[in-house]
């Protein structure tokens, strides 16, 4: 276990679990935690052994957003401060590894958007989501203006952003905010299963697939086909693709090494 007292980082069998650890504040994020998140995501991106990332919160909640009451919450120039928060969002979104948000409870404001910045979102039936910014006299941040419309469409996104309603897990599932909703007692096991499956997958191919999907709304079909061709050419040059073929012929599970 590494990280800081407020941000725990655990590595096991290629799975990195990043836990926001301020349960007394529903894991509200302080400026020092934004910096720690950025450093953590950058370190994971550069790792050859980290295969999948799980982002979660301690004490039964995910994240209640930025801690506006933190002593250093308004230190420094506002634009520079917000750009540091944005850098953490971008680092999470751009991670080459698959990412899973494990949401046991509250995920609001920047906390909701942190979940949406992950590739997959698994929530417990006790989870609650809100783009709560308007209730605080603020506009959306941590990528919500970009992430949310891609999840639920523009009209639904505007409804969630402008009205700042609190959405329960069932409604979040109906809207497409989450991939799965499970009972609280099943959340850890379900996410562990997905994380193990992803960690056992071909790292290079999964990374390329993630990048292609991330680019889907900003490219033409012609460009997408060309980028797919380039990515597939890279895959065919790897040991992992050869291993997949040999495993198929031998009727065994492949052992991917990221080479």
C-alpha atoms as a PDB file:
ATOM      1  CA  UNK A   1       0.000   0.000   0.000  1.00  0.00           C
ATOM      2  CA  UNK A   2       1.428   3.369  -1.047  1.00  0.00           C
ATOM      3  CA  UNK A   3       0.127   6.873  -1.638  1.00  0.00           C
ATOM      4  CA  UNK A   4      -0.768   9.215   1.227  1.00  0.00           C
ATOM      5  CA  UNK A   5      -3.085   9.040   4.214  1.00  0.00           C
ATOM      6  CA  UNK A   6      -5.804  10.671   2.092  1.00  0.00           C
ATOM      7  CA  UNK A   7      -5.125   8.699  -1.091  1.00  0.00           C
ATOM      8  CA  UNK A   8      -4.373   4.998  -0.829  1.00  0.00           C
ATOM      9  CA  UNK A   9      -2.752   3.130  -3.720  1.00  0.00           C
ATOM     10  CA  UNK A  10      -2.701  -0.664  -3.598  1.00  0.00           C
ATOM     11  CA  UNK A  11      -1.136  -2.920  -6.232  1.00  0.00           C
ATOM     12  CA  UNK A  12      -1.910  -6.609  -6.498  1.00  0.00           C
ATOM     13  CA  UNK A  13      -1.572  -8.946  -9.492  1.00  0.00           C
ATOM     14  CA  UNK A  14      -1.594  -6.097 -11.998  1.00  0.00           C
ATOM     15  CA  UNK A  15      -4.644  -4.417 -10.437  1.00  0.00           C
ATOM     16  CA  UNK A  16      -4.122  -0.924  -9.022  1.00  0.00           C
ATOM     17  CA  UNK A  17      -6.778   0.230  -6.566  1.00  0.00           C
ATOM     18  CA  UNK A  18      -6.817   3.978  -5.940  1.00  0.00           C
ATOM     19  CA  UNK A  19      -8.925   4.820  -2.882  1.00  0.00           C
ATOM     20  CA  UNK A  20      -9.963   8.315  -1.848  1.00  0.00           C
ATOM     21  CA  UNK A  21      -9.593   8.110   1.926  1.00  0.00           C
ATOM     22  CA  UNK A  22     -11.446  10.921   3.685  1.00  0.00           C
ATOM     23  CA  UNK A  23     -14.585   9.070   4.792  1.00  0.00           C
ATOM     24  CA  UNK A  24     -15.413  11.732   7.398  1.00  0.00           C
ATOM     25  CA  UNK A  25     -15.919  14.166   4.464  1.00  0.00           C
ATOM     26  CA  UNK A  26     -17.444  11.620   2.082  1.00  0.00           C
ATOM     27  CA  UNK A  27     -14.025  11.582   0.388  1.00  0.00           C
ATOM     28  CA  UNK A  28     -14.142  15.232  -0.669  1.00  0.00           C
ATOM     29  CA  UNK A  29     -10.931  16.075  -2.518  1.00  0.00           C
ATOM     30  CA  UNK A  30      -8.471  18.664  -1.207  1.00  0.00           C
ATOM     31  CA  UNK A  31      -5.919  20.503  -3.386  1.00  0.00           C
ATOM     32  CA  UNK A  32      -3.141  18.214  -2.137  1.00  0.00           C
ATOM     33  CA  UNK A  33      -5.246  15.198  -3.138  1.00  0.00           C
ATOM     34  CA  UNK A  34      -5.750  16.557  -6.676  1.00  0.00           C
ATOM     35  CA  UNK A  35      -1.956  16.772  -6.947  1.00  0.00           C
ATOM     36  CA  UNK A  36      -1.578  13.245  -5.547  1.00  0.00           C
ATOM     37  CA  UNK A  37      -4.170  11.909  -7.999  1.00  0.00           C
ATOM     38  CA  UNK A  38      -2.319  13.505 -10.910  1.00  0.00           C
ATOM     39  CA  UNK A  39       1.004  12.022  -9.769  1.00  0.00           C
ATOM     40  CA  UNK A  40      -0.603   8.620  -9.232  1.00  0.00           C
ATOM     41  CA  UNK A  41      -2.270   8.485 -12.632  1.00  0.00           C
ATOM     42  CA  UNK A  42       0.941   9.601 -14.362  1.00  0.00           C
ATOM     43  CA  UNK A  43       2.895   6.868 -12.564  1.00  0.00           C
ATOM     44  CA  UNK A  44       0.341   4.226 -13.559  1.00  0.00           C
ATOM     45  CA  UNK A  45       0.435   5.387 -17.190  1.00  0.00           C
ATOM     46  CA  UNK A  46       4.212   4.865 -17.254  1.00  0.00           C
ATOM     47  CA  UNK A  47       4.075   1.425 -15.606  1.00  0.00           C
ATOM     48  CA  UNK A  48       4.767  -1.817 -17.469  1.00  0.00           C
ATOM     49  CA  UNK A  49       3.143  -3.946 -14.769  1.00  0.00           C
ATOM     50  CA  UNK A  50      -0.088  -2.088 -13.954  1.00  0.00           C
ATOM     51  CA  UNK A  51      -2.830  -3.749 -16.038  1.00  0.00           C
ATOM     52  CA  UNK A  52      -6.105  -2.257 -14.761  1.00  0.00           C
ATOM     53  CA  UNK A  53      -7.117   0.581 -12.418  1.00  0.00           C
ATOM     54  CA  UNK A  54      -9.985   0.618  -9.914  1.00  0.00           C
ATOM     55  CA  UNK A  55     -10.937   4.026  -8.504  1.00  0.00           C
ATOM     56  CA  UNK A  56     -13.092   4.041  -5.382  1.00  0.00           C
ATOM     57  CA  UNK A  57     -13.724   5.716  -2.048  1.00  0.00           C
ATOM     58  CA  UNK A  58     -13.475   4.676   1.586  1.00  0.00           C
ATOM     59  CA  UNK A  59     -16.242   4.426   4.159  1.00  0.00           C
ATOM     60  CA  UNK A  60     -19.145   3.595   1.882  1.00  0.00           C
ATOM     61  CA  UNK A  61     -19.004   6.599  -0.429  1.00  0.00           C
ATOM     62  CA  UNK A  62     -17.205   7.354  -3.684  1.00  0.00           C
ATOM     63  CA  UNK A  63     -16.519  11.108  -3.662  1.00  0.00           C
ATOM     64  CA  UNK A  64     -18.498  14.232  -2.743  1.00  0.00           C
ATOM     65  CA  UNK A  65     -16.433  16.411  -5.077  1.00  0.00           C
ATOM     66  CA  UNK A  66     -13.937  19.099  -4.217  1.00  0.00           C
ATOM     67  CA  UNK A  67     -13.703  20.073  -0.552  1.00  0.00           C
ATOM     68  CA  UNK A  68     -14.613  23.749  -0.737  1.00  0.00           C
ATOM     69  CA  UNK A  69     -14.079  24.050   2.999  1.00  0.00           C
ATOM     70  CA  UNK A  70     -10.483  22.831   2.971  1.00  0.00           C
ATOM     71  CA  UNK A  71      -8.014  25.393   4.407  1.00  0.00           C
ATOM     72  CA  UNK A  72      -6.132  25.637   1.096  1.00  0.00           C
ATOM     73  CA  UNK A  73      -9.186  25.247  -1.175  1.00  0.00           C
ATOM     74  CA  UNK A  74      -8.885  28.784  -2.541  1.00  0.00           C
ATOM     75  CA  UNK A  75      -5.102  29.238  -2.363  1.00  0.00           C
ATOM     76  CA  UNK A  76      -3.425  30.575  -5.497  1.00  0.00           C
ATOM     77  CA  UNK A  77      -4.889  31.924  -8.713  1.00  0.00           C
ATOM     78  CA  UNK A  78      -8.303  30.415  -9.473  1.00  0.00           C
ATOM     79  CA  UNK A  79      -7.590  29.549 -13.112  1.00  0.00           C
ATOM     80  CA  UNK A  80      -4.287  27.881 -12.274  1.00  0.00           C
ATOM     81  CA  UNK A  81      -6.013  25.916  -9.500  1.00  0.00           C
ATOM     82  CA  UNK A  82      -8.763  24.728 -11.837  1.00  0.00           C
ATOM     83  CA  UNK A  83      -6.232  23.763 -14.486  1.00  0.00           C
ATOM     84  CA  UNK A  84      -4.515  21.501 -11.946  1.00  0.00           C
ATOM     85  CA  UNK A  85      -7.859  19.804 -11.282  1.00  0.00           C
ATOM     86  CA  UNK A  86      -8.396  19.500 -15.033  1.00  0.00           C
ATOM     87  CA  UNK A  87      -4.975  17.905 -15.404  1.00  0.00           C
ATOM     88  CA  UNK A  88      -6.012  15.149 -12.985  1.00  0.00           C
ATOM     89  CA  UNK A  89      -9.155  14.507 -15.035  1.00  0.00           C
ATOM     90  CA  UNK A  90      -7.181  14.331 -18.273  1.00  0.00           C
ATOM     91  CA  UNK A  91      -4.603  11.990 -16.750  1.00  0.00           C
ATOM     92  CA  UNK A  92      -7.373   9.631 -15.615  1.00  0.00           C
ATOM     93  CA  UNK A  93      -9.176   9.729 -18.962  1.00  0.00           C
ATOM     94  CA  UNK A  94      -5.949   9.181 -20.917  1.00  0.00           C
ATOM     95  CA  UNK A  95      -4.680   6.219 -18.908  1.00  0.00           C
ATOM     96  CA  UNK A  96      -3.726   3.473 -21.360  1.00  0.00           C
ATOM     97  CA  UNK A  97      -5.018   0.858 -18.917  1.00  0.00           C
ATOM     98  CA  UNK A  98      -8.731   0.043 -18.560  1.00  0.00           C
ATOM     99  CA  UNK A  99     -10.295   1.829 -15.588  1.00  0.00           C
ATOM    100  CA  UNK A 100     -13.258   0.922 -13.374  1.00  0.00           C
ATOM    101  CA  UNK A 101     -15.083   3.271 -11.020  1.00  0.00           C
ATOM    102  CA  UNK A 102     -16.407   1.338  -8.017  1.00  0.00           C
ATOM    103  CA  UNK A 103     -19.189   3.514  -6.568  1.00  0.00           C
ATOM    104  CA  UNK A 104     -20.564   2.349  -3.215  1.00  0.00           C
ATOM    105  CA  UNK A 105     -22.446   5.519  -2.260  1.00  0.00           C
ATOM    106  CA  UNK A 106     -22.331   9.257  -2.907  1.00  0.00           C
ATOM    107  CA  UNK A 107     -20.729  10.423  -6.184  1.00  0.00           C
ATOM    108  CA  UNK A 108     -21.508  14.093  -6.734  1.00  0.00           C
ATOM    109  CA  UNK A 109     -19.922  17.100  -8.430  1.00  0.00           C
ATOM    110  CA  UNK A 110     -16.362  16.365  -9.450  1.00  0.00           C
ATOM    111  CA  UNK A 111     -16.835  12.973  -7.787  1.00  0.00           C
ATOM    112  CA  UNK A 112     -19.551  12.044 -10.261  1.00  0.00           C
ATOM    113  CA  UNK A 113     -17.394  13.188 -13.141  1.00  0.00           C
ATOM    114  CA  UNK A 114     -14.416  11.272 -11.791  1.00  0.00           C
ATOM    115  CA  UNK A 115     -16.550   8.147 -12.072  1.00  0.00           C
ATOM    116  CA  UNK A 116     -17.616   9.089 -15.608  1.00  0.00           C
ATOM    117  CA  UNK A 117     -13.974   9.635 -16.580  1.00  0.00           C
ATOM    118  CA  UNK A 118     -13.407   5.921 -15.980  1.00  0.00           C
ATOM    119  CA  UNK A 119     -14.082   3.408 -18.752  1.00  0.00           C
ATOM    120  CA  UNK A 120     -16.557   1.375 -16.710  1.00  0.00           C
ATOM    121  CA  UNK A 121     -18.781   2.340 -13.783  1.00  0.00           C
ATOM    122  CA  UNK A 122     -20.124  -0.223 -11.318  1.00  0.00           C
ATOM    123  CA  UNK A 123     -22.442   1.102  -8.609  1.00  0.00           C
ATOM    124  CA  UNK A 124     -24.132  -0.376  -5.592  1.00  0.00           C
ATOM    125  CA  UNK A 125     -27.864   0.020  -5.140  1.00  0.00           C
ATOM    126  CA  UNK A 126     -27.006   2.577  -2.426  1.00  0.00           C
ATOM    127  CA  UNK A 127     -25.154   4.869  -4.867  1.00  0.00           C
ATOM    128  CA  UNK A 128     -26.369   8.398  -5.558  1.00  0.00           C
ATOM    129  CA  UNK A 129     -25.197  10.702  -8.319  1.00  0.00           C
ATOM    130  CA  UNK A 130     -25.541  14.452  -8.876  1.00  0.00           C
ATOM    131  CA  UNK A 131     -23.994  17.196 -10.980  1.00  0.00           C
ATOM    132  CA  UNK A 132     -24.474  19.289  -7.873  1.00  0.00           C
ATOM    133  CA  UNK A 133     -22.522  22.355  -9.033  1.00  0.00           C
ATOM    134  CA  UNK A 134     -25.536  24.643  -9.601  1.00  0.00           C
ATOM    135  CA  UNK A 135     -26.604  24.139  -5.984  1.00  0.00           C
ATOM    136  CA  UNK A 136     -23.226  25.552  -4.961  1.00  0.00           C
ATOM    137  CA  UNK A 137     -23.405  28.505  -7.341  1.00  0.00           C
ATOM    138  CA  UNK A 138     -20.863  26.890  -9.655  1.00  0.00           C
ATOM    139  CA  UNK A 139     -20.658  25.658 -13.233  1.00  0.00           C
ATOM    140  CA  UNK A 140     -19.625  22.122 -14.071  1.00  0.00           C
ATOM    141  CA  UNK A 141     -15.981  20.992 -13.900  1.00  0.00           C
ATOM    142  CA  UNK A 142     -13.755  17.873 -13.921  1.00  0.00           C
ATOM    143  CA  UNK A 143     -14.767  17.221 -17.503  1.00  0.00           C
ATOM    144  CA  UNK A 144     -18.509  16.903 -16.903  1.00  0.00           C
ATOM    145  CA  UNK A 145     -19.436  19.144 -19.827  1.00  0.00           C
ATOM    146  CA  UNK A 146     -17.607  16.721 -22.159  1.00  0.00           C
ATOM    147  CA  UNK A 147     -18.127  13.394 -20.405  1.00  0.00           C
ATOM    148  CA  UNK A 148     -21.817  13.585 -19.513  1.00  0.00           C
ATOM    149  CA  UNK A 149     -23.292  14.267 -22.998  1.00  0.00           C
ATOM    150  CA  UNK A 150     -21.311  11.310 -24.323  1.00  0.00           C
ATOM    151  CA  UNK A 151     -22.895   9.080 -21.694  1.00  0.00           C
ATOM    152  CA  UNK A 152     -26.525  10.189 -21.809  1.00  0.00           C
ATOM    153  CA  UNK A 153     -26.982  12.539 -24.785  1.00  0.00           C
ATOM    154  CA  UNK A 154     -27.113  16.314 -24.785  1.00  0.00           C
ATOM    155  CA  UNK A 155     -30.697  16.873 -23.596  1.00  0.00           C
ATOM    156  CA  UNK A 156     -30.394  14.520 -20.632  1.00  0.00           C
ATOM    157  CA  UNK A 157     -26.992  16.006 -19.834  1.00  0.00           C
ATOM    158  CA  UNK A 158     -28.424  19.526 -19.722  1.00  0.00           C
ATOM    159  CA  UNK A 159     -31.216  18.339 -17.442  1.00  0.00           C
ATOM    160  CA  UNK A 160     -28.734  16.811 -15.002  1.00  0.00           C
ATOM    161  CA  UNK A 161     -26.362  19.785 -15.180  1.00  0.00           C
ATOM    162  CA  UNK A 162     -28.911  22.598 -14.912  1.00  0.00           C
ATOM    163  CA  UNK A 163     -31.317  21.100 -12.362  1.00  0.00           C
ATOM    164  CA  UNK A 164     -28.604  19.393 -10.286  1.00  0.00           C
ATOM    165  CA  UNK A 165     -31.014  16.668  -9.182  1.00  0.00           C
ATOM    166  CA  UNK A 166     -29.844  13.721  -7.125  1.00  0.00           C
ATOM    167  CA  UNK A 167     -30.196  10.479  -9.082  1.00  0.00           C
ATOM    168  CA  UNK A 168     -30.401   7.087  -7.393  1.00  0.00           C
ATOM    169  CA  UNK A 169     -28.681   3.983  -8.714  1.00  0.00           C
ATOM    170  CA  UNK A 170     -31.723   2.643 -10.539  1.00  0.00           C
ATOM    171  CA  UNK A 171     -32.221   5.924 -12.400  1.00  0.00           C
ATOM    172  CA  UNK A 172     -28.497   6.159 -13.126  1.00  0.00           C
ATOM    173  CA  UNK A 173     -28.718   2.716 -14.696  1.00  0.00           C
ATOM    174  CA  UNK A 174     -31.749   3.710 -16.765  1.00  0.00           C
ATOM    175  CA  UNK A 175     -29.993   6.845 -18.022  1.00  0.00           C
ATOM    176  CA  UNK A 176     -26.823   4.969 -18.955  1.00  0.00           C
ATOM    177  CA  UNK A 177     -24.592   6.623 -16.360  1.00  0.00           C
ATOM    178  CA  UNK A 178     -23.402   3.240 -15.085  1.00  0.00           C
ATOM    179  CA  UNK A 179     -22.582  -0.146 -16.578  1.00  0.00           C
ATOM    180  CA  UNK A 180     -23.916  -2.275 -13.732  1.00  0.00           C
ATOM    181  CA  UNK A 181     -25.814  -1.888 -10.461  1.00  0.00           C
ATOM    182  CA  UNK A 182     -25.324  -4.579  -7.821  1.00  0.00           C
ATOM    183  CA  UNK A 183     -26.221  -5.068  -4.178  1.00  0.00           C
ATOM    184  CA  UNK A 184     -23.738  -3.482  -1.732  1.00  0.00           C
ATOM    185  CA  UNK A 185     -22.556  -6.880  -0.502  1.00  0.00           C
ATOM    186  CA  UNK A 186     -21.774  -7.903  -4.097  1.00  0.00           C
ATOM    187  CA  UNK A 187     -19.941  -4.746  -5.200  1.00  0.00           C
ATOM    188  CA  UNK A 188     -16.396  -5.743  -4.226  1.00  0.00           C
ATOM    189  CA  UNK A 189     -16.672  -9.221  -5.713  1.00  0.00           C
ATOM    190  CA  UNK A 190     -18.216  -8.005  -8.951  1.00  0.00           C
ATOM    191  CA  UNK A 191     -15.545  -5.339  -9.511  1.00  0.00           C
ATOM    192  CA  UNK A 192     -12.790  -7.776  -8.512  1.00  0.00           C
ATOM    193  CA  UNK A 193     -14.027 -10.201 -11.178  1.00  0.00           C
ATOM    194  CA  UNK A 194     -14.030  -7.545 -13.912  1.00  0.00           C
ATOM    195  CA  UNK A 195     -10.630  -6.262 -12.801  1.00  0.00           C
ATOM    196  CA  UNK A 196      -9.107  -9.756 -12.874  1.00  0.00           C
ATOM    197  CA  UNK A 197     -10.555 -10.389 -16.341  1.00  0.00           C
ATOM    198  CA  UNK A 198      -9.126  -7.122 -17.642  1.00  0.00           C
ATOM    199  CA  UNK A 199      -5.767  -7.719 -15.956  1.00  0.00           C
ATOM    200  CA  UNK A 200      -5.558 -11.100 -17.705  1.00  0.00           C
ATOM    201  CA  UNK A 201      -6.276  -9.544 -21.089  1.00  0.00           C
ATOM    202  CA  UNK A 202      -3.783  -8.391 -23.745  1.00  0.00           C
ATOM    203  CA  UNK A 203      -2.485  -5.010 -22.482  1.00  0.00           C
ATOM    204  CA  UNK A 204      -1.410  -3.612 -25.847  1.00  0.00           C
ATOM    205  CA  UNK A 205      -4.608  -4.569 -27.656  1.00  0.00           C
ATOM    206  CA  UNK A 206      -6.826  -3.291 -24.828  1.00  0.00           C
ATOM    207  CA  UNK A 207      -4.933  -0.006 -24.730  1.00  0.00           C
ATOM    208  CA  UNK A 208      -5.310   0.477 -28.480  1.00  0.00           C
ATOM    209  CA  UNK A 209      -9.008  -0.415 -28.360  1.00  0.00           C
ATOM    210  CA  UNK A 210      -9.561   2.087 -25.547  1.00  0.00           C
ATOM    211  CA  UNK A 211      -7.818   4.832 -27.499  1.00  0.00           C
ATOM    212  CA  UNK A 212      -9.863   4.092 -30.621  1.00  0.00           C
ATOM    213  CA  UNK A 213     -13.091   4.247 -28.621  1.00  0.00           C
ATOM    214  CA  UNK A 214     -12.049   7.485 -26.907  1.00  0.00           C
ATOM    215  CA  UNK A 215     -11.521   9.060 -30.329  1.00  0.00           C
ATOM    216  CA  UNK A 216     -14.852   7.854 -31.735  1.00  0.00           C
ATOM    217  CA  UNK A 217     -16.723  11.156 -31.467  1.00  0.00           C
ATOM    218  CA  UNK A 218     -13.955  13.290 -32.931  1.00  0.00           C
ATOM    219  CA  UNK A 219     -13.053  11.322 -36.044  1.00  0.00           C
ATOM    220  CA  UNK A 220     -14.632  10.301 -39.342  1.00  0.00           C
ATOM    221  CA  UNK A 221     -15.330   6.695 -40.298  1.00  0.00           C
ATOM    222  CA  UNK A 222     -12.514   6.913 -42.823  1.00  0.00           C
ATOM    223  CA  UNK A 223     -10.087   8.081 -40.138  1.00  0.00           C
ATOM    224  CA  UNK A 224     -11.343   5.451 -37.716  1.00  0.00           C
ATOM    225  CA  UNK A 225     -10.782   2.665 -40.236  1.00  0.00           C
ATOM    226  CA  UNK A 226      -7.241   3.875 -40.899  1.00  0.00           C
ATOM    227  CA  UNK A 227      -6.492   4.086 -37.178  1.00  0.00           C
ATOM    228  CA  UNK A 228      -7.921   0.589 -36.694  1.00  0.00           C
ATOM    229  CA  UNK A 229      -5.674  -0.695 -39.486  1.00  0.00           C
ATOM    230  CA  UNK A 230      -2.605   0.861 -37.853  1.00  0.00           C
ATOM    231  CA  UNK A 231      -3.560  -0.527 -34.441  1.00  0.00           C
ATOM    232  CA  UNK A 232      -4.156  -4.001 -35.833  1.00  0.00           C
ATOM    233  CA  UNK A 233      -0.781  -3.897 -37.577  1.00  0.00           C
ATOM    234  CA  UNK A 234       0.815  -3.150 -34.221  1.00  0.00           C
ATOM    235  CA  UNK A 235      -1.054  -6.066 -32.633  1.00  0.00           C
ATOM    236  CA  UNK A 236       0.090  -8.544 -35.292  1.00  0.00           C
ATOM    237  CA  UNK A 237       3.691  -7.634 -34.477  1.00  0.00           C
ATOM    238  CA  UNK A 238       3.327  -8.507 -30.783  1.00  0.00           C
ATOM    239  CA  UNK A 239       4.095 -11.695 -28.900  1.00  0.00           C
ATOM    240  CA  UNK A 240       0.637 -11.503 -27.311  1.00  0.00           C
ATOM    241  CA  UNK A 241      -1.208 -11.961 -30.603  1.00  0.00           C
ATOM    242  CA  UNK A 242       0.989 -14.941 -31.447  1.00  0.00           C
ATOM    243  CA  UNK A 243       0.303 -16.329 -27.988  1.00  0.00           C
ATOM    244  CA  UNK A 244      -3.444 -15.911 -28.520  1.00  0.00           C
ATOM    245  CA  UNK A 245      -3.254 -17.897 -31.768  1.00  0.00           C
ATOM    246  CA  UNK A 246      -1.155 -20.657 -30.190  1.00  0.00           C
ATOM    247  CA  UNK A 247      -3.505 -20.835 -27.199  1.00  0.00           C
ATOM    248  CA  UNK A 248      -6.517 -21.105 -29.498  1.00  0.00           C
ATOM    249  CA  UNK A 249      -4.912 -23.946 -31.449  1.00  0.00           C
ATOM    250  CA  UNK A 250      -3.917 -25.728 -28.229  1.00  0.00           C
ATOM    251  CA  UNK A 251      -7.373 -25.138 -26.699  1.00  0.00           C
ATOM    252  CA  UNK A 252      -5.960 -23.424 -23.607  1.00  0.00           C
ATOM    253  CA  UNK A 253      -6.230 -19.978 -22.042  1.00  0.00           C
ATOM    254  CA  UNK A 254      -3.692 -17.460 -23.390  1.00  0.00           C
ATOM    255  CA  UNK A 255      -1.063 -15.932 -21.110  1.00  0.00           C
ATOM    256  CA  UNK A 256      -0.592 -12.317 -22.132  1.00  0.00           C
ATOM    257  CA  UNK A 257       2.585 -10.486 -21.152  1.00  0.00           C
ATOM    258  CA  UNK A 258       2.191  -7.099 -22.796  1.00  0.00           C
ATOM    259  CA  UNK A 259       4.849  -7.702 -25.439  1.00  0.00           C
END
